[in-house]
């Protein structure tokens, strides 16, 4: 059979959450858009699978806070379009030694988002499944997103608006042939596009090597885990689905009390699977095409110790490990920019999922010349100055 060649207006490469959100936004604007995903629907190779992500609002940087304020109603719009429940606003509790909590609370209230402080004892009475470390910043607008359902909803809504969603097709090479012309080679032939948006996560540096100068992107295999509730009754599980807030636990590396910690901890209750907990961004560096999917034993044992010390409502010995990837920049800021006809969304550093609808809008703007991305996310070779307020940002 011969090689197939076609021409489209906008091609989005990578059908995880970010690429799917971009296709949704483009299709809503009436643009011709094709979304290519190298793996099958619902695959577990990247960073968008699994049943739960924190919709964490605890940021102080104005760029991120504005994206949170934009994302919340967009999640609700997606739910309405897809007729799928995606976001449960069960709140998130942030605790541990984080000097930026006051700045976070001020930024959120200034943006019309809720934030309130509780003492550790009062928080423990309200949420007995968690043991609290110092004062607690409670953010009621925050909550839990269903990641798998979100990707499906985005693709369903994009297709309903006219996007062409294609699974099982890998982009092998990009060649920029002009200001409005990119040739994308696939196993079956080539696609010519006026604009290309690349959202391939851990494969970004491989696909764009020699074409776009990227900041250093480090791919790690992360290994959170689900822990069963100590009370295994159906009634307890039903209560946990609404009563367990998400949680972020900061730490002080210089304090020996945290001597076994690898990183800050994040987590949430995942209905049907238990309490999810994980070290933020501490996994081993990996090649996304050669992952082991196997937990690193010392980190898993330390995570079980964390559950034993800090989550009295969960059973540290009833554990089911999870494997996913982070693709991180040095400062954990995203990369959202365009070079000629190629727009890039990358480096979401383990805290991007909550911003998915806003990221899709920004990348759609870049692809259609509708406006620039926030300056903070421009392609760069040196890290941005610390934004503050997000020592735990999952």
Protein backbone atom coordinates (compact mmCIF):
# COMPACT_ATOMS: atom_id res chain seq x y z
CA UNK A 1 0.00 0.00 0.00
CA UNK A 2 1.20 3.53 -0.75
CA UNK A 3 1.84 6.27 1.75
CA UNK A 4 -1.16 8.47 2.53
CA UNK A 5 -0.81 12.26 2.51
CA UNK A 6 -3.41 14.74 3.75
CA UNK A 7 -3.63 18.42 4.67
CA UNK A 8 -5.36 19.85 7.76
CA UNK A 9 -5.57 23.26 9.39
CA UNK A 10 -4.40 22.37 12.90
CA UNK A 11 -2.84 19.13 14.10
CA UNK A 12 -2.57 18.35 17.81
CA UNK A 13 -0.02 15.65 18.62
CA UNK A 14 -0.59 13.90 21.94
CA UNK A 15 -4.04 12.91 23.18
CA UNK A 16 -3.57 13.12 26.92
CA UNK A 17 -5.40 15.72 28.96
CA UNK A 18 -3.58 18.76 27.58
CA UNK A 19 -3.84 17.80 23.92
CA UNK A 20 -7.46 16.75 24.31
CA UNK A 21 -8.29 20.07 25.97
CA UNK A 22 -6.57 21.92 23.12
CA UNK A 23 -8.58 19.99 20.53
CA UNK A 24 -11.77 20.78 22.45
CA UNK A 25 -11.00 24.48 22.55
CA UNK A 26 -10.06 24.59 18.86
CA UNK A 27 -13.12 22.66 17.76
CA UNK A 28 -15.38 24.92 19.81
CA UNK A 29 -14.02 27.83 17.77
CA UNK A 30 -14.94 26.12 14.52
CA UNK A 31 -11.36 25.22 13.60
CA UNK A 32 -10.54 22.12 11.62
CA UNK A 33 -8.49 20.04 14.06
CA UNK A 34 -7.06 16.52 14.04
CA UNK A 35 -5.82 14.97 17.31
CA UNK A 36 -3.22 12.20 17.05
CA UNK A 37 -2.52 9.84 19.95
CA UNK A 38 0.09 7.12 19.54
CA UNK A 39 -1.50 4.77 22.09
CA UNK A 40 -5.02 3.40 22.45
CA UNK A 41 -7.81 5.12 24.34
CA UNK A 42 -7.41 4.88 28.12
CA UNK A 43 -3.74 3.86 27.99
CA UNK A 44 -1.50 3.99 31.08
CA UNK A 45 1.79 5.02 29.44
CA UNK A 46 1.79 8.72 30.30
CA UNK A 47 0.60 11.16 32.93
CA UNK A 48 -3.16 11.51 32.32
CA UNK A 49 -4.51 8.13 33.46
CA UNK A 50 -5.91 7.06 36.81
CA UNK A 51 -9.05 7.95 38.68
CA UNK A 52 -7.98 10.92 40.78
CA UNK A 53 -6.05 14.18 40.79
CA UNK A 54 -6.17 17.03 43.29
CA UNK A 55 -7.80 20.23 42.08
CA UNK A 56 -5.50 22.14 44.40
CA UNK A 57 -6.04 25.90 44.67
CA UNK A 58 -3.13 26.62 47.04
CA UNK A 59 -1.08 28.96 44.83
CA UNK A 60 0.00 32.54 45.38
CA UNK A 61 1.56 33.42 42.02
CA UNK A 62 -0.92 35.61 40.08
CA UNK A 63 -0.48 33.66 36.83
CA UNK A 64 -1.46 30.36 38.41
CA UNK A 65 -4.27 31.88 40.48
CA UNK A 66 -5.76 33.43 37.34
CA UNK A 67 -5.59 30.05 35.59
CA UNK A 68 -7.36 28.43 38.55
CA UNK A 69 -10.11 31.03 38.38
CA UNK A 70 -10.47 30.31 34.66
CA UNK A 71 -10.30 26.53 34.98
CA UNK A 72 -13.05 26.07 37.56
CA UNK A 73 -15.95 27.26 35.36
CA UNK A 74 -14.41 25.54 32.32
CA UNK A 75 -14.45 22.21 34.17
CA UNK A 76 -18.14 22.79 34.82
CA UNK A 77 -18.73 23.65 31.15
CA UNK A 78 -17.01 20.42 30.14
CA UNK A 79 -19.17 18.47 32.58
CA UNK A 80 -22.28 20.01 31.04
CA UNK A 81 -21.16 19.31 27.46
CA UNK A 82 -20.08 15.74 28.18
CA UNK A 83 -22.81 15.00 30.76
CA UNK A 84 -20.12 13.55 33.01
CA UNK A 85 -19.27 14.34 36.64
CA UNK A 86 -15.57 15.20 36.79
CA UNK A 87 -14.87 17.52 39.74
CA UNK A 88 -15.97 16.91 43.32
CA UNK A 89 -15.26 19.99 45.43
CA UNK A 90 -14.47 18.11 48.64
CA UNK A 91 -11.85 20.73 49.55
CA UNK A 92 -8.14 20.31 50.25
CA UNK A 93 -6.27 20.68 53.54
CA UNK A 94 -2.70 21.99 53.37
CA UNK A 95 -0.45 21.59 56.40
CA UNK A 96 3.14 21.22 57.50
CA UNK A 97 5.90 23.86 57.64
CA UNK A 98 5.07 26.08 54.66
CA UNK A 99 5.96 29.77 55.18
CA UNK A 100 3.91 30.77 52.14
CA UNK A 101 0.48 29.83 53.50
CA UNK A 102 -0.37 33.43 54.39
CA UNK A 103 0.50 34.62 50.89
CA UNK A 104 -1.57 31.79 49.40
CA UNK A 105 -4.60 32.66 51.53
CA UNK A 106 -4.33 36.34 50.58
CA UNK A 107 -4.00 35.55 46.87
CA UNK A 108 -6.97 33.22 46.86
CA UNK A 109 -9.32 35.52 48.74
CA UNK A 110 -8.23 38.33 46.44
CA UNK A 111 -9.31 36.20 43.47
CA UNK A 112 -12.65 35.28 44.99
CA UNK A 113 -11.58 31.78 46.07
CA UNK A 114 -12.06 30.55 49.61
CA UNK A 115 -9.26 30.00 52.13
CA UNK A 116 -9.42 29.61 55.92
CA UNK A 117 -7.01 28.58 58.69
CA UNK A 118 -7.72 25.96 61.35
CA UNK A 119 -5.65 24.68 64.23
CA UNK A 120 -4.36 21.13 64.07
CA UNK A 121 -6.68 19.94 66.84
CA UNK A 122 -9.80 21.43 65.26
CA UNK A 123 -8.83 20.02 61.86
CA UNK A 124 -8.26 16.59 63.39
CA UNK A 125 -11.73 16.61 64.93
CA UNK A 126 -13.27 17.54 61.58
CA UNK A 127 -11.19 15.10 59.50
CA UNK A 128 -10.14 12.24 61.83
CA UNK A 129 -8.61 10.21 59.01
CA UNK A 130 -5.69 12.66 58.85
CA UNK A 131 -3.19 13.66 61.55
CA UNK A 132 -2.29 17.31 61.12
CA UNK A 133 1.09 19.00 61.33
CA UNK A 134 0.75 22.58 62.64
CA UNK A 135 -1.86 25.01 61.39
CA UNK A 136 -4.02 23.96 58.48
CA UNK A 137 -4.97 25.98 55.40
CA UNK A 138 -8.36 24.74 54.20
CA UNK A 139 -9.39 25.57 50.64
CA UNK A 140 -13.07 24.58 50.17
CA UNK A 141 -13.18 25.39 46.44
CA UNK A 142 -10.52 22.76 45.83
CA UNK A 143 -11.29 19.10 45.34
CA UNK A 144 -10.82 15.90 43.37
CA UNK A 145 -10.81 15.38 39.60
CA UNK A 146 -11.40 12.06 37.87
CA UNK A 147 -8.49 11.97 35.41
CA UNK A 148 -9.61 9.06 33.22
CA UNK A 149 -13.13 10.44 32.91
CA UNK A 150 -11.74 13.91 32.17
CA UNK A 151 -9.71 12.76 29.16
CA UNK A 152 -12.69 10.81 27.82
CA UNK A 153 -14.97 13.82 28.34
CA UNK A 154 -12.56 16.18 26.60
CA UNK A 155 -12.29 13.92 23.58
CA UNK A 156 -16.04 13.32 23.49
CA UNK A 157 -16.75 17.06 23.64
CA UNK A 158 -14.05 17.80 21.07
CA UNK A 159 -15.46 15.22 18.67
CA UNK A 160 -18.98 16.53 19.17
CA UNK A 161 -17.69 19.97 18.17
CA UNK A 162 -16.08 18.58 15.03
CA UNK A 163 -12.59 17.42 16.01
CA UNK A 164 -11.17 14.28 14.38
CA UNK A 165 -9.77 12.08 17.17
CA UNK A 166 -7.35 9.35 16.06
CA UNK A 167 -5.77 6.77 18.37
CA UNK A 168 -2.95 4.39 17.53
CA UNK A 169 -1.10 6.82 15.25
CA UNK A 170 2.36 8.03 16.23
CA UNK A 171 3.98 11.19 14.93
CA UNK A 172 7.51 10.19 13.95
CA UNK A 173 9.04 13.45 12.76
CA UNK A 174 8.20 17.12 12.30
CA UNK A 175 9.60 19.25 9.47
CA UNK A 176 8.86 22.98 9.37
CA UNK A 177 8.53 23.89 5.70
CA UNK A 178 7.28 27.45 6.11
CA UNK A 179 5.67 29.99 8.41
CA UNK A 180 2.33 28.19 8.00
CA UNK A 181 3.44 24.73 6.94
CA UNK A 182 4.55 21.72 8.98
CA UNK A 183 4.95 18.23 7.61
CA UNK A 184 4.37 15.49 10.17
CA UNK A 185 5.55 12.01 9.25
CA UNK A 186 3.55 9.04 10.54
CA UNK A 187 3.90 5.32 9.90
CA UNK A 188 1.10 5.56 7.35
CA UNK A 189 2.33 8.62 5.47
CA UNK A 190 2.34 12.34 6.19
CA UNK A 191 0.04 15.06 7.43
CA UNK A 192 0.61 18.66 6.33
CA UNK A 193 -0.72 21.28 8.74
CA UNK A 194 -0.83 25.06 8.98
CA UNK A 195 -0.27 24.80 12.74
CA UNK A 196 0.90 21.97 14.98
CA UNK A 197 0.44 21.76 18.76
CA UNK A 198 2.76 19.30 20.54
CA UNK A 199 1.52 17.92 23.87
CA UNK A 200 3.32 14.60 24.18
CA UNK A 201 4.46 14.77 27.80
CA UNK A 202 7.45 12.56 28.48
CA UNK A 203 8.19 12.27 24.74
CA UNK A 204 8.50 16.06 24.16
CA UNK A 205 12.30 16.24 24.01
CA UNK A 206 12.46 13.20 21.71
CA UNK A 207 9.94 14.53 19.20
CA UNK A 208 11.17 18.12 19.15
CA UNK A 209 14.92 17.43 19.26
CA UNK A 210 16.68 19.75 16.83
CA UNK A 211 13.49 21.65 16.08
CA UNK A 212 12.71 23.63 19.26
CA UNK A 213 15.17 24.65 21.98
CA UNK A 214 13.54 23.42 25.17
CA UNK A 215 14.50 23.89 28.79
CA UNK A 216 15.78 20.73 30.46
CA UNK A 217 12.85 18.34 30.89
CA UNK A 218 13.38 15.54 33.40
CA UNK A 219 11.13 12.50 33.08
CA UNK A 220 10.60 10.51 36.26
CA UNK A 221 8.57 7.44 37.08
CA UNK A 222 6.43 8.37 40.07
CA UNK A 223 4.92 5.79 42.37
CA UNK A 224 1.99 6.93 44.49
CA UNK A 225 -0.18 4.21 45.95
CA UNK A 226 -3.73 3.57 47.11
CA UNK A 227 -4.24 2.49 50.70
CA UNK A 228 -7.41 0.82 51.91
CA UNK A 229 -9.57 2.52 54.51
CA UNK A 230 -9.12 1.03 57.97
CA UNK A 231 -12.89 0.78 58.17
CA UNK A 232 -13.60 -1.39 55.16
CA UNK A 233 -17.38 -1.14 55.29
CA UNK A 234 -19.46 0.12 52.37
CA UNK A 235 -20.84 2.82 54.65
CA UNK A 236 -17.33 4.09 55.42
CA UNK A 237 -16.43 4.16 51.73
CA UNK A 238 -19.58 6.12 50.93
CA UNK A 239 -18.76 8.65 53.66
CA UNK A 240 -15.13 8.95 52.56
CA UNK A 241 -16.17 9.92 49.02
CA UNK A 242 -17.52 13.20 50.38
CA UNK A 243 -15.88 13.57 53.81
CA UNK A 244 -12.20 13.04 52.91
CA UNK A 245 -10.59 16.22 51.61
CA UNK A 246 -7.54 16.14 49.40
CA UNK A 247 -4.34 16.86 51.31
CA UNK A 248 -0.92 18.39 50.78
CA UNK A 249 1.72 18.00 53.48
CA UNK A 250 4.81 20.21 53.34
CA UNK A 251 8.02 19.38 55.19
CA UNK A 252 11.31 20.88 56.31
CA UNK A 253 14.25 18.85 54.92
CA UNK A 254 16.50 20.23 57.67
CA UNK A 255 14.26 18.88 60.43
CA UNK A 256 15.21 15.35 61.53
CA UNK A 257 11.56 14.61 62.26
CA UNK A 258 11.13 14.32 58.50
CA UNK A 259 14.30 12.33 58.02
CA UNK A 260 12.69 9.48 56.07
CA UNK A 261 10.75 11.78 53.72
CA UNK A 262 11.67 11.96 50.03
CA UNK A 263 9.56 15.02 49.19
CA UNK A 264 6.33 16.78 50.14
CA UNK A 265 3.29 14.49 50.18
CA UNK A 266 0.01 14.83 48.31
CA UNK A 267 -3.09 12.69 48.33
CA UNK A 268 -6.84 12.30 48.19
CA UNK A 269 -9.51 9.67 48.63
CA UNK A 270 -10.17 7.85 45.35
CA UNK A 271 -13.66 6.31 45.31
CA UNK A 272 -13.46 2.58 44.82
CA UNK A 273 -9.69 2.45 45.29
CA UNK A 274 -8.84 3.90 48.70
CA UNK A 275 -6.71 6.76 49.96
CA UNK A 276 -4.11 7.83 47.43
CA UNK A 277 -0.81 9.22 48.72
CA UNK A 278 2.49 9.95 47.03
CA UNK A 279 5.82 11.73 47.25
CA UNK A 280 5.80 14.76 44.93
CA UNK A 281 8.40 14.46 42.16
CA UNK A 282 10.84 12.06 43.82
CA UNK A 283 10.74 9.10 41.44
CA UNK A 284 13.71 7.72 39.50
CA UNK A 285 14.60 9.27 36.16
CA UNK A 286 13.29 7.10 33.35
CA UNK A 287 12.98 6.71 29.60
CA UNK A 288 9.25 6.75 28.78
CA UNK A 289 9.82 3.97 26.24
CA UNK A 290 11.61 1.75 28.76
CA UNK A 291 9.73 2.11 32.03
CA UNK A 292 9.68 -0.65 34.61
CA UNK A 293 6.26 0.30 36.10
CA UNK A 294 7.69 -1.30 39.27
CA UNK A 295 7.77 0.64 42.57
CA UNK A 296 11.16 1.53 44.00
CA UNK A 297 11.07 -0.52 47.23
CA UNK A 298 12.68 2.00 49.61
CA UNK A 299 10.36 4.81 48.51
CA UNK A 300 7.29 2.59 48.80
CA UNK A 301 8.32 1.48 52.30
CA UNK A 302 8.82 5.13 53.31
CA UNK A 303 5.39 5.98 51.90
CA UNK A 304 3.86 3.19 53.97
CA UNK A 305 5.60 4.66 57.02
CA UNK A 306 4.13 8.05 56.16
CA UNK A 307 0.64 6.55 56.09
CA UNK A 308 1.28 4.84 59.40
CA UNK A 309 2.44 8.15 60.96
CA UNK A 310 0.03 10.64 59.40
CA UNK A 311 -3.07 8.93 57.98
CA UNK A 312 -4.78 7.06 60.82
CA UNK A 313 -7.81 6.43 58.63
CA UNK A 314 -5.82 4.36 56.10
CA UNK A 315 -4.18 0.94 56.35
CA UNK A 316 -0.44 1.17 55.48
CA UNK A 317 -0.25 -2.57 54.83
CA UNK A 318 -3.18 -2.73 52.39
CA UNK A 319 -1.40 -1.03 49.50
CA UNK A 320 -1.78 -0.96 45.70
CA UNK A 321 1.07 0.94 43.97
CA UNK A 322 0.38 3.21 40.99
CA UNK A 323 2.83 4.19 38.23
CA UNK A 324 2.80 7.42 36.24
CA UNK A 325 5.29 9.91 34.82
CA UNK A 326 6.24 13.48 35.66
CA UNK A 327 7.93 15.63 33.03
CA UNK A 328 9.46 18.43 35.07
CA UNK A 329 11.23 21.70 34.46
CA UNK A 330 13.86 22.95 36.88
CA UNK A 331 11.48 25.45 38.49
CA UNK A 332 8.31 23.37 37.96
CA UNK A 333 6.84 26.10 35.74
CA UNK A 334 5.10 24.97 32.57
CA UNK A 335 6.28 25.50 29.00
CA UNK A 336 3.54 27.10 26.87
CA UNK A 337 4.89 28.87 23.81
CA UNK A 338 5.07 28.85 20.02
CA UNK A 339 8.02 28.78 17.63
CA UNK A 340 6.90 29.55 14.09
CA UNK A 341 3.98 27.24 13.32
CA UNK A 342 4.71 24.84 16.23
CA UNK A 343 3.13 25.42 19.65
CA UNK A 344 4.40 23.47 22.66
CA UNK A 345 2.73 22.48 25.90
CA UNK A 346 5.15 20.65 28.19
CA UNK A 347 6.87 20.46 31.57
CA UNK A 348 3.73 20.26 33.70
CA UNK A 349 5.89 18.95 36.55
CA UNK A 350 3.26 16.88 38.31
CA UNK A 351 0.89 19.77 39.05
CA UNK A 352 -0.71 20.57 35.73
CA UNK A 353 -3.92 18.54 35.67
CA UNK A 354 -6.05 21.04 37.57
CA UNK A 355 -5.23 23.65 34.91
CA UNK A 356 -6.13 21.45 31.92
CA UNK A 357 -9.01 23.58 30.53
CA UNK A 358 -6.99 26.79 30.87
CA UNK A 359 -3.94 25.21 29.24
CA UNK A 360 -6.13 24.05 26.35
CA UNK A 361 -7.40 27.58 25.88
CA UNK A 362 -3.87 29.04 25.95
CA UNK A 363 -2.55 26.53 23.41
CA UNK A 364 -5.58 27.12 21.18
CA UNK A 365 -4.85 30.86 21.36
CA UNK A 366 -1.25 30.23 20.33
CA UNK A 367 -2.30 28.03 17.43
CA UNK A 368 -4.80 30.56 16.10
CA UNK A 369 -2.82 33.78 16.68
CA UNK A 370 -5.47 34.81 19.21
CA UNK A 371 -2.97 35.86 21.86
CA UNK A 372 0.26 34.96 23.66
CA UNK A 373 0.69 32.63 26.59
CA UNK A 374 1.53 34.11 30.00
CA UNK A 375 5.11 35.36 30.00
CA UNK A 376 5.97 33.02 32.87
CA UNK A 377 5.67 30.02 30.54
CA UNK A 378 7.80 31.26 27.64
CA UNK A 379 10.50 28.96 26.30
CA UNK A 380 13.61 29.62 28.35
CA UNK A 381 17.03 28.22 29.13
CA UNK A 382 17.13 29.42 32.74
CA UNK A 383 14.47 28.96 35.42
CA UNK A 384 12.04 31.62 36.46
CA UNK A 385 12.48 33.20 39.89
CA UNK A 386 10.55 31.33 42.59
CA UNK A 387 6.85 32.18 42.48
CA UNK A 388 6.27 31.26 46.13
CA UNK A 389 3.23 29.67 47.65
CA UNK A 390 3.48 26.23 46.13
CA UNK A 391 5.90 24.05 48.03
CA UNK A 392 3.29 21.34 47.46
CA UNK A 393 1.48 21.96 44.23
CA UNK A 394 -0.13 18.68 43.26
